[in-house]
């Protein structure tokens, strides 16, 4: 059975991809300097990072996890 990836997993993957792009930018910058094309690309990557992250889904997942923790805590206290 296939499950839809959680938003938190997608966030981790998106951040890993961005960090790789940022590291490549920094290595190039310190070795050769940055041209306007390099700067434009990293700025686009930053904007895409913001657009790629589904904050609404992350918030919903967080709320569900918190509700489960609260329910488990209530259940353990009663028994």
N, C-alpha and C. Protein backbone atom coordinates (compact mmCIF):
# COMPACT_ATOMS: atom_id res chain seq x y z
N UNK A 1 0.84 -1.18 0.00
CA UNK A 1 0.00 0.00 0.00
C UNK A 1 0.89 1.25 0.00
N UNK A 2 0.59 2.18 -0.86
CA UNK A 2 1.34 3.42 -0.93
C UNK A 2 0.66 4.48 -0.09
N UNK A 3 1.47 5.28 0.60
CA UNK A 3 0.95 6.38 1.40
C UNK A 3 1.51 7.69 0.86
N UNK A 4 0.71 8.72 0.97
CA UNK A 4 1.16 10.04 0.58
C UNK A 4 2.27 10.46 1.54
N UNK A 5 3.37 11.00 1.01
CA UNK A 5 4.45 11.44 1.90
C UNK A 5 3.96 12.55 2.83
N UNK A 6 4.42 12.52 4.05
CA UNK A 6 4.06 13.57 5.00
C UNK A 6 4.72 14.87 4.58
N UNK A 7 4.07 15.97 4.93
CA UNK A 7 4.63 17.28 4.59
C UNK A 7 5.98 17.48 5.27
N UNK A 8 6.16 16.92 6.46
CA UNK A 8 7.44 17.07 7.16
C UNK A 8 8.55 16.35 6.40
N UNK A 9 8.25 15.19 5.79
CA UNK A 9 9.25 14.50 4.97
C UNK A 9 9.58 15.31 3.73
N UNK A 10 8.56 15.90 3.13
CA UNK A 10 8.78 16.74 1.95
C UNK A 10 9.59 17.97 2.32
N UNK A 11 9.34 18.53 3.51
CA UNK A 11 10.11 19.67 3.98
C UNK A 11 11.58 19.30 4.10
N UNK A 12 11.86 18.13 4.69
CA UNK A 12 13.24 17.69 4.86
C UNK A 12 13.93 17.54 3.50
N UNK A 13 13.25 16.93 2.55
CA UNK A 13 13.82 16.76 1.21
C UNK A 13 14.06 18.11 0.54
N UNK A 14 13.11 19.00 0.63
CA UNK A 14 13.24 20.33 0.03
C UNK A 14 14.41 21.08 0.65
N UNK A 15 14.55 21.00 1.97
CA UNK A 15 15.67 21.67 2.64
C UNK A 15 17.01 21.07 2.24
N UNK A 16 17.07 19.73 2.11
CA UNK A 16 18.31 19.09 1.67
C UNK A 16 18.71 19.59 0.28
N UNK A 17 17.74 19.69 -0.61
CA UNK A 17 18.03 20.16 -1.97
C UNK A 17 18.50 21.61 -1.95
N UNK A 18 17.85 22.44 -1.12
CA UNK A 18 18.25 23.84 -1.04
C UNK A 18 19.65 23.97 -0.44
N UNK A 19 19.93 23.22 0.61
CA UNK A 19 21.24 23.29 1.25
C UNK A 19 22.34 22.89 0.25
N UNK A 20 22.08 21.88 -0.56
CA UNK A 20 23.05 21.48 -1.58
C UNK A 20 23.30 22.62 -2.56
N UNK A 21 22.22 23.29 -2.98
CA UNK A 21 22.37 24.43 -3.91
C UNK A 21 23.11 25.58 -3.23
N UNK A 22 22.81 25.83 -1.96
CA UNK A 22 23.46 26.92 -1.23
C UNK A 22 24.95 26.61 -1.03
N UNK A 23 25.28 25.36 -0.71
CA UNK A 23 26.69 24.99 -0.55
C UNK A 23 27.46 25.15 -1.85
N UNK A 24 26.83 24.75 -2.96
CA UNK A 24 27.48 24.91 -4.28
C UNK A 24 27.71 26.39 -4.58
N UNK A 25 26.72 27.22 -4.26
CA UNK A 25 26.85 28.67 -4.47
C UNK A 25 28.01 29.22 -3.65
N UNK A 26 28.07 28.83 -2.37
CA UNK A 26 29.12 29.35 -1.49
C UNK A 26 30.51 28.89 -1.93
N UNK A 27 30.64 27.63 -2.31
CA UNK A 27 31.94 27.13 -2.78
C UNK A 27 32.40 27.91 -4.00
N UNK A 28 31.50 28.09 -4.94
CA UNK A 28 31.82 28.84 -6.15
C UNK A 28 32.15 30.29 -5.81
N UNK A 29 31.37 30.87 -4.91
CA UNK A 29 31.57 32.27 -4.52
C UNK A 29 32.96 32.48 -3.91
N UNK A 30 33.36 31.59 -3.01
CA UNK A 30 34.66 31.75 -2.35
C UNK A 30 35.83 31.41 -3.26
N UNK A 31 35.62 30.56 -4.24
CA UNK A 31 36.70 30.21 -5.17
C UNK A 31 36.84 31.22 -6.31
N UNK A 32 35.70 31.63 -6.86
CA UNK A 32 35.74 32.43 -8.08
C UNK A 32 35.01 33.77 -7.98
N UNK A 33 34.27 33.99 -6.90
CA UNK A 33 33.42 35.16 -6.81
C UNK A 33 32.05 34.85 -7.39
N UNK A 34 31.17 35.80 -7.33
CA UNK A 34 29.80 35.60 -7.82
C UNK A 34 29.48 36.60 -8.90
N UNK A 35 28.90 36.11 -9.97
CA UNK A 35 28.42 37.00 -11.01
C UNK A 35 26.92 37.20 -10.79
N UNK A 36 26.35 38.10 -11.54
CA UNK A 36 24.93 38.39 -11.36
C UNK A 36 24.07 37.17 -11.65
N UNK A 37 24.51 36.32 -12.56
CA UNK A 37 23.75 35.10 -12.87
C UNK A 37 23.72 34.15 -11.66
N UNK A 38 24.87 34.00 -11.00
CA UNK A 38 24.94 33.15 -9.80
C UNK A 38 24.03 33.68 -8.70
N UNK A 39 24.07 34.97 -8.50
CA UNK A 39 23.26 35.59 -7.45
C UNK A 39 21.77 35.45 -7.79
N UNK A 40 21.42 35.67 -9.05
CA UNK A 40 20.02 35.52 -9.45
C UNK A 40 19.53 34.09 -9.23
N UNK A 41 20.39 33.11 -9.53
CA UNK A 41 20.00 31.71 -9.36
C UNK A 41 19.76 31.38 -7.90
N UNK A 42 20.66 31.79 -7.00
CA UNK A 42 20.46 31.47 -5.58
C UNK A 42 19.24 32.21 -5.03
N UNK A 43 18.98 33.41 -5.51
CA UNK A 43 17.78 34.13 -5.07
C UNK A 43 16.51 33.42 -5.54
N UNK A 44 16.54 32.87 -6.76
CA UNK A 44 15.40 32.08 -7.24
C UNK A 44 15.23 30.82 -6.39
N UNK A 45 16.36 30.20 -6.05
CA UNK A 45 16.30 29.00 -5.19
C UNK A 45 15.69 29.34 -3.83
N UNK A 46 16.03 30.49 -3.30
CA UNK A 46 15.45 30.91 -2.01
C UNK A 46 13.94 31.11 -2.15
N UNK A 47 13.54 31.78 -3.21
CA UNK A 47 12.10 32.00 -3.45
C UNK A 47 11.38 30.67 -3.66
N UNK A 48 11.99 29.78 -4.43
CA UNK A 48 11.37 28.47 -4.66
C UNK A 48 11.25 27.67 -3.37
N UNK A 49 12.23 27.81 -2.49
CA UNK A 49 12.18 27.13 -1.20
C UNK A 49 10.93 27.56 -0.45
N UNK A 50 10.68 28.85 -0.43
CA UNK A 50 9.49 29.37 0.25
C UNK A 50 8.21 28.85 -0.40
N UNK A 51 8.19 28.79 -1.71
CA UNK A 51 6.99 28.35 -2.43
C UNK A 51 6.76 26.85 -2.32
N UNK A 52 7.85 26.08 -2.22
CA UNK A 52 7.74 24.62 -2.20
C UNK A 52 7.26 24.07 -0.87
N UNK A 53 7.40 24.83 0.18
CA UNK A 53 7.05 24.33 1.51
C UNK A 53 5.56 24.55 1.75
N UNK A 54 4.86 23.47 2.02
CA UNK A 54 3.42 23.51 2.26
C UNK A 54 3.19 23.77 3.75
N UNK A 55 3.20 25.05 4.12
CA UNK A 55 3.08 25.39 5.54
C UNK A 55 1.73 24.98 6.11
N UNK A 56 0.70 25.06 5.31
CA UNK A 56 -0.62 24.68 5.80
C UNK A 56 -0.65 23.20 6.17
N UNK A 57 -0.11 22.36 5.31
CA UNK A 57 -0.07 20.92 5.58
C UNK A 57 0.81 20.63 6.80
N UNK A 58 1.95 21.33 6.91
CA UNK A 58 2.81 21.13 8.07
C UNK A 58 2.08 21.49 9.37
N UNK A 59 1.36 22.59 9.35
CA UNK A 59 0.61 23.01 10.54
C UNK A 59 -0.47 21.98 10.89
N UNK A 60 -1.16 21.45 9.90
CA UNK A 60 -2.18 20.45 10.16
C UNK A 60 -1.57 19.19 10.75
N UNK A 61 -0.44 18.76 10.20
CA UNK A 61 0.24 17.57 10.74
C UNK A 61 0.68 17.82 12.17
N UNK A 62 1.22 19.00 12.44
CA UNK A 62 1.67 19.33 13.79
C UNK A 62 0.50 19.30 14.77
N UNK A 63 -0.62 19.88 14.36
CA UNK A 63 -1.81 19.88 15.22
C UNK A 63 -2.29 18.46 15.51
N UNK A 64 -2.27 17.60 14.49
CA UNK A 64 -2.68 16.20 14.70
C UNK A 64 -1.75 15.50 15.69
N UNK A 65 -0.47 15.72 15.55
CA UNK A 65 0.50 15.10 16.46
C UNK A 65 0.26 15.60 17.88
N UNK A 66 0.02 16.89 18.02
CA UNK A 66 -0.23 17.45 19.35
C UNK A 66 -1.52 16.88 19.95
N UNK A 67 -2.56 16.76 19.13
CA UNK A 67 -3.82 16.20 19.62
C UNK A 67 -3.63 14.75 20.07
N UNK A 68 -2.85 13.97 19.29
CA UNK A 68 -2.59 12.59 19.67
C UNK A 68 -1.83 12.53 20.99
N UNK A 69 -0.84 13.40 21.16
CA UNK A 69 -0.08 13.43 22.42
C UNK A 69 -0.99 13.77 23.59
N UNK A 70 -1.87 14.76 23.39
CA UNK A 70 -2.80 15.15 24.44
C UNK A 70 -3.74 14.01 24.80
N UNK A 71 -4.26 13.33 23.78
CA UNK A 71 -5.16 12.21 24.03
C UNK A 71 -4.45 11.08 24.76
N UNK A 72 -3.22 10.79 24.35
CA UNK A 72 -2.45 9.73 25.02
C UNK A 72 -2.17 10.12 26.47
N UNK A 73 -1.85 11.38 26.71
CA UNK A 73 -1.59 11.83 28.07
C UNK A 73 -2.85 11.72 28.91
N UNK A 74 -3.99 12.12 28.36
CA UNK A 74 -5.27 12.00 29.07
C UNK A 74 -5.60 10.54 29.36
N UNK A 75 -5.37 9.67 28.37
CA UNK A 75 -5.66 8.26 28.53
C UNK A 75 -4.79 7.64 29.62
N UNK A 76 -3.51 7.98 29.63
CA UNK A 76 -2.59 7.43 30.62
C UNK A 76 -2.92 7.91 32.03
N UNK A 77 -3.37 9.14 32.16
CA UNK A 77 -3.72 9.69 33.47
C UNK A 77 -4.95 9.01 34.03
N UNK A 78 -5.92 8.69 33.18
CA UNK A 78 -7.18 8.10 33.63
C UNK A 78 -7.01 6.64 34.04
N UNK A 79 -6.03 5.97 33.47
CA UNK A 79 -5.89 4.55 33.76
C UNK A 79 -4.66 4.33 34.54
